[in-house]
Protein backbone atom coordinates (compact mmCIF):
# COMPACT_ATOMS: atom_id res chain seq x y z
CA UNK A 1 83.60 104.38 113.93
CA UNK A 2 83.87 105.46 110.11
CA UNK A 3 87.70 105.00 108.87
CA UNK A 4 89.74 106.30 106.38
CA UNK A 5 92.74 104.59 104.79
CA UNK A 6 93.95 105.00 108.42
CA UNK A 7 91.03 105.80 110.58
CA UNK A 8 89.55 108.73 111.89
CA UNK A 9 92.42 111.68 112.13
CA UNK A 10 92.20 115.17 113.64
CA UNK A 11 91.34 117.21 110.64
CA UNK A 12 94.14 119.71 109.75
CA UNK A 13 93.62 123.06 110.88
CA UNK A 14 93.88 125.65 108.06
CA UNK A 15 97.13 127.98 108.94
CA UNK A 16 96.35 131.53 109.70
CA UNK A 17 96.84 134.11 106.83
CA UNK A 18 98.83 134.47 105.26
CA UNK A 19 100.21 130.68 105.07
CA UNK A 20 99.14 129.49 101.94
CA UNK A 21 96.21 127.02 102.22
CA UNK A 22 95.32 124.60 99.19
CA UNK A 23 92.01 125.68 96.84
CA UNK A 24 90.82 123.86 94.12
CA UNK A 25 91.80 125.88 90.73
CA UNK A 26 88.59 125.85 88.99
CA UNK A 27 86.02 128.24 87.53
CA UNK A 28 82.64 127.65 88.78
CA UNK A 29 80.18 130.36 89.42
CA UNK A 30 76.55 130.71 89.77
CA UNK A 31 74.44 130.98 86.64
CA UNK A 32 73.89 134.41 85.04
CA UNK A 33 70.28 136.04 85.16
CA UNK A 34 68.31 134.62 82.19
CA UNK A 35 68.05 136.27 79.14
CA UNK A 36 68.07 135.55 75.65
CA UNK A 37 71.26 133.85 74.48
CA UNK A 38 73.07 134.49 71.35
CA UNK A 39 75.06 132.30 68.99
CA UNK A 40 77.90 134.99 68.64
CA UNK A 41 77.69 135.15 72.50
CA UNK A 42 80.83 132.53 73.02
CA UNK A 43 83.60 134.90 72.89
CA UNK A 44 81.35 137.43 75.44
CA UNK A 45 80.57 134.52 77.31
CA UNK A 46 83.96 133.55 77.92
CA UNK A 47 84.90 137.07 79.03
CA UNK A 48 82.00 137.66 81.38
CA UNK A 49 83.55 134.14 82.93
CA UNK A 50 86.78 135.36 83.28
CA UNK A 51 85.31 138.59 84.87
CA UNK A 52 82.93 136.93 87.18
CA UNK A 53 85.92 134.38 88.33
CA UNK A 54 87.98 137.60 89.37
CA UNK A 55 85.40 138.59 91.27
CA UNK A 56 84.86 135.33 93.09
CA UNK A 57 88.86 135.53 93.79
CA UNK A 58 88.90 138.44 94.74
CA UNK A 59 86.48 137.89 97.70
CA UNK A 60 88.41 134.81 98.65
CA UNK A 61 85.97 132.33 96.96
CA UNK A 62 86.76 129.85 94.02
CA UNK A 63 83.34 128.10 94.02
CA UNK A 64 79.68 129.54 94.04
CA UNK A 65 76.42 127.61 93.93
CA UNK A 66 73.05 128.94 94.44
CA UNK A 67 71.96 126.23 96.86
CA UNK A 68 72.87 123.31 98.69
CA UNK A 69 73.13 119.82 96.15
CA UNK A 70 73.58 116.32 96.89
CA UNK A 71 75.96 113.92 95.39
CA UNK A 72 76.02 113.30 91.81
CA UNK A 73 75.33 109.68 90.99
CA UNK A 74 78.28 108.17 89.15
CA UNK A 75 77.20 105.65 86.15
CA UNK A 76 79.33 102.72 85.22
CA UNK A 77 81.18 102.29 81.96
CA UNK A 78 82.71 98.64 81.04
CA UNK A 79 83.46 99.56 77.77
CA UNK A 80 87.25 98.26 76.89
CA UNK A 81 90.07 100.67 76.76
CA UNK A 82 91.71 101.11 74.11
CA UNK A 83 95.09 102.50 74.25
CA UNK A 84 97.18 103.73 71.40
CA UNK A 85 101.12 104.74 72.07
CA UNK A 86 101.99 108.37 71.69
CA UNK A 87 105.99 108.80 70.94
CA UNK A 88 107.58 111.11 73.39
CA UNK A 89 109.14 114.36 72.37
CA UNK A 90 113.02 113.64 71.81
CA UNK A 91 114.62 117.03 73.52
CA UNK A 92 118.17 117.83 71.80
CA UNK A 93 119.09 119.32 75.01
CA UNK A 94 117.06 118.60 78.37
CA UNK A 95 118.60 121.06 79.69
CA UNK A 96 117.27 123.46 77.87
CA UNK A 97 113.99 122.11 76.80
CA UNK A 98 111.81 123.02 73.20
CA UNK A 99 108.95 123.69 74.98
CA UNK A 100 107.00 124.75 71.35
CA UNK A 101 107.68 121.08 70.52
CA UNK A 102 106.15 120.12 74.14
CA UNK A 103 102.94 122.27 73.44
CA UNK A 104 102.75 120.70 70.04
CA UNK A 105 102.55 117.14 71.09
CA UNK A 106 100.76 117.50 74.33
CA UNK A 107 98.22 120.07 73.53
CA UNK A 108 96.17 117.74 71.21
CA UNK A 109 95.55 115.53 74.32
CA UNK A 110 94.13 118.22 76.69
CA UNK A 111 90.35 118.89 76.71
CA UNK A 112 88.20 121.70 78.24
CA UNK A 113 85.32 120.38 80.36
CA UNK A 114 82.06 122.39 80.73
CA UNK A 115 79.75 121.61 83.24
CA UNK A 116 76.27 123.67 83.58
CA UNK A 117 72.96 123.09 85.98
CA UNK A 118 70.23 125.06 87.85
CA UNK A 119 72.90 125.01 90.75
CA UNK A 120 76.39 126.44 88.72
CA UNK A 121 78.05 126.41 85.51
CA UNK A 122 81.62 126.09 85.05
CA UNK A 123 84.79 125.20 83.20
CA UNK A 124 87.96 122.98 83.94
CA UNK A 125 90.42 120.44 81.86
CA UNK A 126 90.70 117.26 81.37
CA UNK A 127 93.16 114.65 79.72
CA UNK A 128 92.70 111.98 76.85
CA UNK A 129 93.93 108.51 78.21
CA UNK A 130 92.96 106.32 75.56
CA UNK A 131 90.66 106.25 72.01
CA UNK A 132 87.82 105.22 73.60
CA UNK A 133 86.96 108.57 74.73
CA UNK A 134 87.76 108.28 77.98
CA UNK A 135 88.83 111.61 79.76
CA UNK A 136 90.32 111.71 83.29
CA UNK A 137 89.81 114.86 85.13
CA UNK A 138 89.35 115.98 88.78
CA UNK A 139 85.89 114.77 90.75
CA UNK A 140 85.28 118.59 91.69
CA UNK A 141 85.22 119.38 88.01
CA UNK A 142 83.08 116.55 87.00
CA UNK A 143 80.33 116.62 90.17
CA UNK A 144 81.09 120.64 91.08
CA UNK A 145 77.63 121.58 89.14
CA UNK A 146 75.61 119.01 91.21
CA UNK A 147 73.21 116.49 90.10
CA UNK A 148 71.62 116.83 86.93
CA UNK A 149 74.70 118.64 85.45
CA UNK A 150 75.49 118.65 81.79
CA UNK A 151 78.86 117.99 80.85
CA UNK A 152 80.45 118.86 77.35
CA UNK A 153 84.30 118.41 76.64
CA UNK A 154 85.69 120.46 73.85
CA UNK A 155 88.63 119.14 72.04
CA UNK A 156 91.98 121.63 71.15
CA UNK A 157 90.57 121.50 67.22
CA UNK A 158 87.15 123.30 68.71
CA UNK A 159 85.06 120.16 68.47
CA UNK A 160 82.49 119.90 71.19
CA UNK A 161 80.82 116.62 72.21
CA UNK A 162 78.54 115.92 75.45
CA UNK A 163 79.98 113.48 77.84
CA UNK A 164 78.88 111.51 80.87
CA UNK A 165 80.33 110.37 84.12
CA UNK A 166 82.07 106.99 84.01
CA UNK A 167 83.15 107.08 87.34
CA UNK A 168 84.23 109.50 90.32
CA UNK A 169 86.31 109.10 93.38
CA UNK A 170 86.35 111.69 96.22
CA UNK A 171 89.20 110.19 97.78
CA UNK A 172 91.67 111.34 95.58
CA UNK A 173 89.33 113.95 93.93
CA UNK A 174 89.60 112.00 90.56
CA UNK A 175 87.05 111.20 87.87
CA UNK A 176 86.42 109.93 84.22
CA UNK A 177 84.40 111.30 81.67
CA UNK A 178 83.09 109.36 78.72
CA UNK A 179 82.66 111.22 75.39
CA UNK A 180 79.53 110.53 73.50
CA UNK A 181 80.14 109.20 70.01
CA UNK A 182 83.50 109.94 70.04
CA UNK A 183 86.01 110.99 67.05
CA UNK A 184 88.34 108.20 65.62
CA UNK A 185 91.38 110.43 65.90
CA UNK A 186 91.44 111.17 69.64
CA UNK A 187 94.95 111.55 70.76
CA UNK A 188 95.84 109.89 73.96
CA UNK A 189 98.33 111.73 76.28
CA UNK A 190 101.66 109.66 76.84
CA UNK A 191 101.81 108.56 80.10
CA UNK A 192 105.21 109.21 82.04
CA UNK A 193 106.33 107.82 85.43
CA UNK A 194 105.69 110.19 88.39
CA UNK A 195 108.02 108.30 90.97
CA UNK A 196 111.27 109.06 88.48
CA UNK A 197 110.52 113.00 89.28
CA UNK A 198 113.31 114.90 90.80
CA UNK A 199 113.01 118.20 92.54
CA UNK A 200 113.71 121.05 90.45
CA UNK A 201 113.24 119.36 86.99
CA UNK A 202 111.25 121.18 84.27
CA UNK A 203 107.35 120.72 83.74
CA UNK A 204 104.92 122.08 81.78
CA UNK A 205 101.12 122.40 82.84
CA UNK A 206 98.48 122.47 80.17
CA UNK A 207 95.12 123.19 80.96
CA UNK A 208 91.96 125.78 80.35
CA UNK A 209 92.62 128.10 82.62
CA UNK A 210 89.77 130.92 83.15
CA UNK A 211 88.22 129.62 80.10
CA UNK A 212 91.26 130.32 77.85
CA UNK A 213 91.45 126.74 76.48
CA UNK A 214 95.18 125.64 75.17
CA UNK A 215 97.32 127.72 77.82
CA UNK A 216 100.47 126.24 79.09
CA UNK A 217 102.58 127.38 81.48
CA UNK A 218 106.14 126.12 82.79
CA UNK A 219 108.43 125.89 85.84
CA UNK A 220 109.82 123.33 87.65
CA UNK A 221 108.86 120.81 90.19
CA UNK A 222 109.70 122.50 93.76
CA UNK A 223 108.44 119.50 95.85
CA UNK A 224 107.55 115.85 95.97
CA UNK A 225 105.61 113.66 98.06
CA UNK A 226 104.29 117.03 99.89
CA UNK A 227 100.77 115.97 101.95
CA UNK A 228 97.96 118.27 100.82
CA UNK A 229 94.54 117.95 102.21
CA UNK A 230 91.55 120.40 100.26
CA UNK A 231 88.30 118.72 102.03
CA UNK A 232 85.28 116.74 100.58
CA UNK A 233 84.82 117.41 96.78
CA UNK A 234 81.63 115.50 96.48
CA UNK A 235 79.46 117.69 94.43
CA UNK A 236 81.36 120.69 94.90
CA UNK A 237 80.59 120.46 98.70
CA UNK A 238 83.66 121.78 101.18
CA UNK A 239 82.26 120.39 104.10
CA UNK A 240 81.63 117.24 105.73
CA UNK A 241 82.89 113.98 104.05
CA UNK A 242 86.04 112.35 104.16
CA UNK A 243 88.89 114.84 102.90
CA UNK A 244 91.00 114.70 99.73
CA UNK A 245 94.09 113.59 100.76
CA UNK A 246 97.15 113.79 98.16
CA UNK A 247 101.07 113.10 98.31
CA UNK A 248 101.26 115.85 95.70
CA UNK A 249 103.40 117.26 93.28
CA UNK A 250 104.30 120.59 94.04
CA UNK A 251 105.24 123.04 91.22
CA UNK A 252 105.57 126.35 90.39
CA UNK A 253 104.26 126.50 86.96
CA UNK A 254 101.33 128.72 87.07
CA UNK A 255 97.79 126.98 87.58
CA UNK A 256 94.75 129.04 87.98
CA UNK A 257 90.87 128.58 87.91
CA UNK A 258 90.19 126.11 85.12
CA UNK A 259 93.25 124.44 85.07
CA UNK A 260 91.99 121.69 87.53
CA UNK A 261 91.90 118.17 85.83
CA UNK A 262 94.60 119.44 83.18
CA UNK A 263 97.99 117.59 82.32
CA UNK A 264 101.31 118.37 84.05
CA UNK A 265 104.11 117.02 82.17
CA UNK A 266 107.89 116.45 81.49
CA UNK A 267 109.60 118.20 78.59
CA UNK A 268 109.25 114.96 76.83
CA UNK A 269 105.52 115.47 76.58
CA UNK A 270 104.75 112.75 79.22
CA UNK A 271 101.85 113.10 81.40
CA UNK A 272 103.41 112.84 85.24
CA UNK A 273 100.12 114.49 87.49
CA UNK A 274 96.87 115.92 87.14
CA UNK A 275 96.55 119.25 88.15
CA UNK A 276 94.28 119.69 91.28
CA UNK A 277 94.61 122.60 93.52
CA UNK A 278 96.56 125.67 94.13
CA UNK A 279 98.07 127.17 97.44
CA UNK A 280 96.44 130.52 98.29
CA UNK A 281 97.43 133.28 100.91
CA UNK A 282 93.82 134.23 102.17
CA UNK A 283 91.34 136.98 101.68
CA UNK A 284 93.04 139.16 103.56
CA UNK A 285 96.03 139.92 102.21
CA UNK A 286 93.98 140.45 99.04
CA UNK A 287 95.56 138.09 97.15
CA UNK A 288 94.28 135.07 95.63
CA UNK A 289 94.91 132.62 92.54
CA UNK A 290 98.23 131.38 91.33
CA UNK A 291 101.06 132.44 93.73
CA UNK A 292 103.73 130.01 92.35
CA UNK A 293 102.77 127.24 94.32
CA UNK A 294 100.31 124.31 92.67
CA UNK A 295 99.60 120.53 93.03
CA UNK A 296 98.91 117.87 90.95
CA UNK A 297 97.88 114.46 91.85
CA UNK A 298 101.14 111.85 90.63
CA UNK A 299 100.03 110.01 87.63
CA UNK A 300 101.04 106.49 89.32
CA UNK A 301 98.42 106.99 91.81
CA UNK A 302 95.54 108.42 89.00
CA UNK A 303 96.18 105.69 86.41
CA UNK A 304 95.15 102.94 89.21
CA UNK A 305 92.02 105.00 90.14
CA UNK A 306 91.47 105.79 86.28
CA UNK A 307 91.09 102.21 85.47
CA UNK A 308 89.30 101.01 88.50
CA UNK A 309 86.46 103.99 87.47
CA UNK A 310 86.70 102.62 83.82
CA UNK A 311 85.92 99.59 84.99
CA UNK A 312 83.44 99.61 87.46
CA UNK A 313 82.27 103.50 88.54
CA UNK A 314 84.22 103.34 91.83
CA UNK A 315 87.50 103.21 93.45
CA UNK A 316 88.98 100.95 96.30
CA UNK A 317 92.00 101.96 98.40
CA UNK A 318 94.73 100.81 100.29
CA UNK A 319 93.97 100.78 103.99
CA UNK A 320 95.81 100.40 107.10
CA UNK A 321 93.27 100.39 110.23
CA UNK A 322 94.85 102.95 112.53
CA UNK A 323 93.84 106.51 114.03
CA UNK A 324 96.51 109.08 114.85
CA UNK A 325 97.88 112.65 116.00
CA UNK A 326 100.58 114.75 115.35
CA UNK A 327 103.30 114.49 117.73
CA UNK A 328 106.86 114.46 118.68
CA UNK A 329 109.23 111.74 119.57
CA UNK A 330 112.61 111.51 120.60
CA UNK A 331 115.52 110.18 117.84
CA UNK A 332 118.69 109.62 119.52
CA UNK A 333 119.74 112.85 120.43
CA UNK A 334 117.28 114.82 119.09
CA UNK A 335 113.37 115.21 118.66
CA UNK A 336 111.57 114.76 115.23
CA UNK A 337 107.65 114.93 114.29
CA UNK A 338 105.57 111.92 113.82
CA UNK A 339 101.88 110.56 113.23
CA UNK A 340 101.18 108.94 116.74
CA UNK A 341 99.48 105.76 116.76
CA UNK A 342 96.01 106.81 119.04
CA UNK A 343 93.84 103.44 117.86
CA UNK A 344 95.04 100.14 116.44
CA UNK A 345 91.72 98.51 114.78
CA UNK A 346 91.02 95.05 115.37
CA UNK A 347 91.39 92.67 112.42
CA UNK A 348 93.17 95.36 110.32
CA UNK A 349 96.34 95.12 108.81
CA UNK A 350 98.26 97.03 111.53
CA UNK A 351 96.93 94.78 114.07
CA UNK A 352 98.01 91.88 112.43
CA UNK A 353 101.65 93.61 111.42
CA UNK A 354 101.86 94.39 115.40
CA UNK A 355 101.57 97.80 115.41
CA UNK A 356 100.36 99.25 118.83
CA UNK A 357 99.02 102.34 120.03
CA UNK A 358 101.48 104.87 120.95
CA UNK A 359 103.89 104.03 118.26
CA UNK A 360 105.23 106.93 116.56
CA UNK A 361 105.41 106.18 112.46
CA UNK A 362 108.47 108.24 111.18
CA UNK A 363 108.56 106.62 107.29
CA UNK A 364 105.95 104.47 105.93
CA UNK A 365 107.74 102.92 102.45
CA UNK A 366 110.71 104.75 102.56
CA UNK A 367 108.71 108.04 102.69
CA UNK A 368 109.37 110.11 105.53
CA UNK A 369 106.18 110.81 107.65
CA UNK A 370 106.09 114.06 109.88
CA UNK A 371 102.39 113.80 110.91
CA UNK A 372 98.78 112.88 110.86
CA UNK A 373 98.25 114.11 107.35
CA UNK A 374 101.37 112.72 105.70
CA UNK A 375 100.87 109.31 106.91
CA UNK A 376 97.13 109.32 105.22
CA UNK A 377 98.70 110.53 102.12
CA UNK A 378 101.33 107.86 102.03
CA UNK A 379 98.74 105.06 102.31
CA UNK A 380 96.70 106.49 99.78
CA UNK A 381 99.88 106.54 97.40
CA UNK A 382 100.21 102.65 97.65
CA UNK A 383 97.94 100.00 95.94
CA UNK A 384 95.98 97.25 97.86
CA UNK A 385 97.95 94.16 98.38
CA UNK A 386 101.23 96.12 98.57
CA UNK A 387 103.63 94.94 101.14
CA UNK A 388 105.39 98.20 102.77
CA UNK A 389 107.69 99.16 105.85
CA UNK A 390 106.58 101.08 108.50
CA UNK A 391 109.26 102.69 110.69
CA UNK A 392 108.50 103.39 114.25
CA UNK A 393 109.72 104.37 117.23
CA UNK A 394 108.42 102.55 119.93
CA UNK A 395 110.02 103.00 123.85
CA UNK A 396 112.55 105.19 122.07
CA UNK A 397 113.91 102.39 119.90
CA UNK A 398 113.47 102.42 116.10
CA UNK A 399 112.28 99.52 114.11
CA UNK A 400 110.86 98.27 110.97
CA UNK A 401 107.61 96.64 110.54
CA UNK A 402 106.32 95.05 107.31
CA UNK A 403 102.82 95.68 106.66
CA UNK A 404 100.23 94.39 103.85
CA UNK A 405 97.70 96.62 102.84
CA UNK A 406 94.31 95.65 102.00
CA UNK A 407 91.02 97.25 100.84
CA UNK A 408 89.72 99.77 103.09
CA UNK A 409 85.71 98.38 104.13
CA UNK A 410 83.08 99.98 102.58
């Protein structure tokens, strides 16, 4: 049987409207009817992009293609990564940040990504991560226009470069692009520590929403370790394939179509997340786009994936080897929700650790587990080789079991 980081688990059912459900905040739309192109039409094209996106959002869609496409093929890049240290912004009063200083420091490291093919055209965002020309973005941005798409990256000063895909990872919705003949003055973003974030901390989102490059919005970290599933992002497909499951940073900073792949930074200008999805209220309410609930992939997870994509064009993930379902379990005088193990595959980390079918996992690595989705997200947040503690309830008794995670079988 096919196995995710756990193993097959029941897909999360979409909540009834008006409960929020995550969607991708990126701007893809069908190519316009062929017409003579004018050099001075750039601004008009941007405005048309906004208009088409507005119509798409009004109809409840954030993605449109003219026909089905197959997964894009990633090309490997083995070039060495040259990292330059960028000094963080020093805030005189962290409680009242100078966001203008933050924006000035960060904006040169955030780019606009344009993708075009016969199937679709679209725009997203990306982040400069080294001086070798590598751009970190979302997989659904890099592959959203289907195979054979042409990619271009526009820097904050307006210079545009052609790009290729160095690697993609559908499971985490991350991709790395490689600029062709990159300039020597690229400004890599300062990388922070997403594990040090606190709920209520102020943050800034930087990106290219609706084709409006260099847009910054501020808000707070409204939740941490929020399990989010957005479905497979291979070549923009929303059906089939493994779901994208992330223990996300939830933020109130406004995130809209086109922000995908952009930066979520602290007041000191340090990258702590890659903006990837937003909650929407569904079409029946007539509302879509930003509603104050956006999600970002924590940089501590993203940077490990990015390194693999640069080195070999693909990424391996931590693996436990179980299937699970949502359930409840007695916990002292109360009950609590948990991930109930259905099966434990032989010759897997779970089996070696002594986990059994029927065990209720209530925590992993110190993180609360209250659903099957949360268990998958928690596993994907770890690295291959990590030794984590699984807190379980078995026969009414709590116990801690040490598990050594291995690489997910291909």
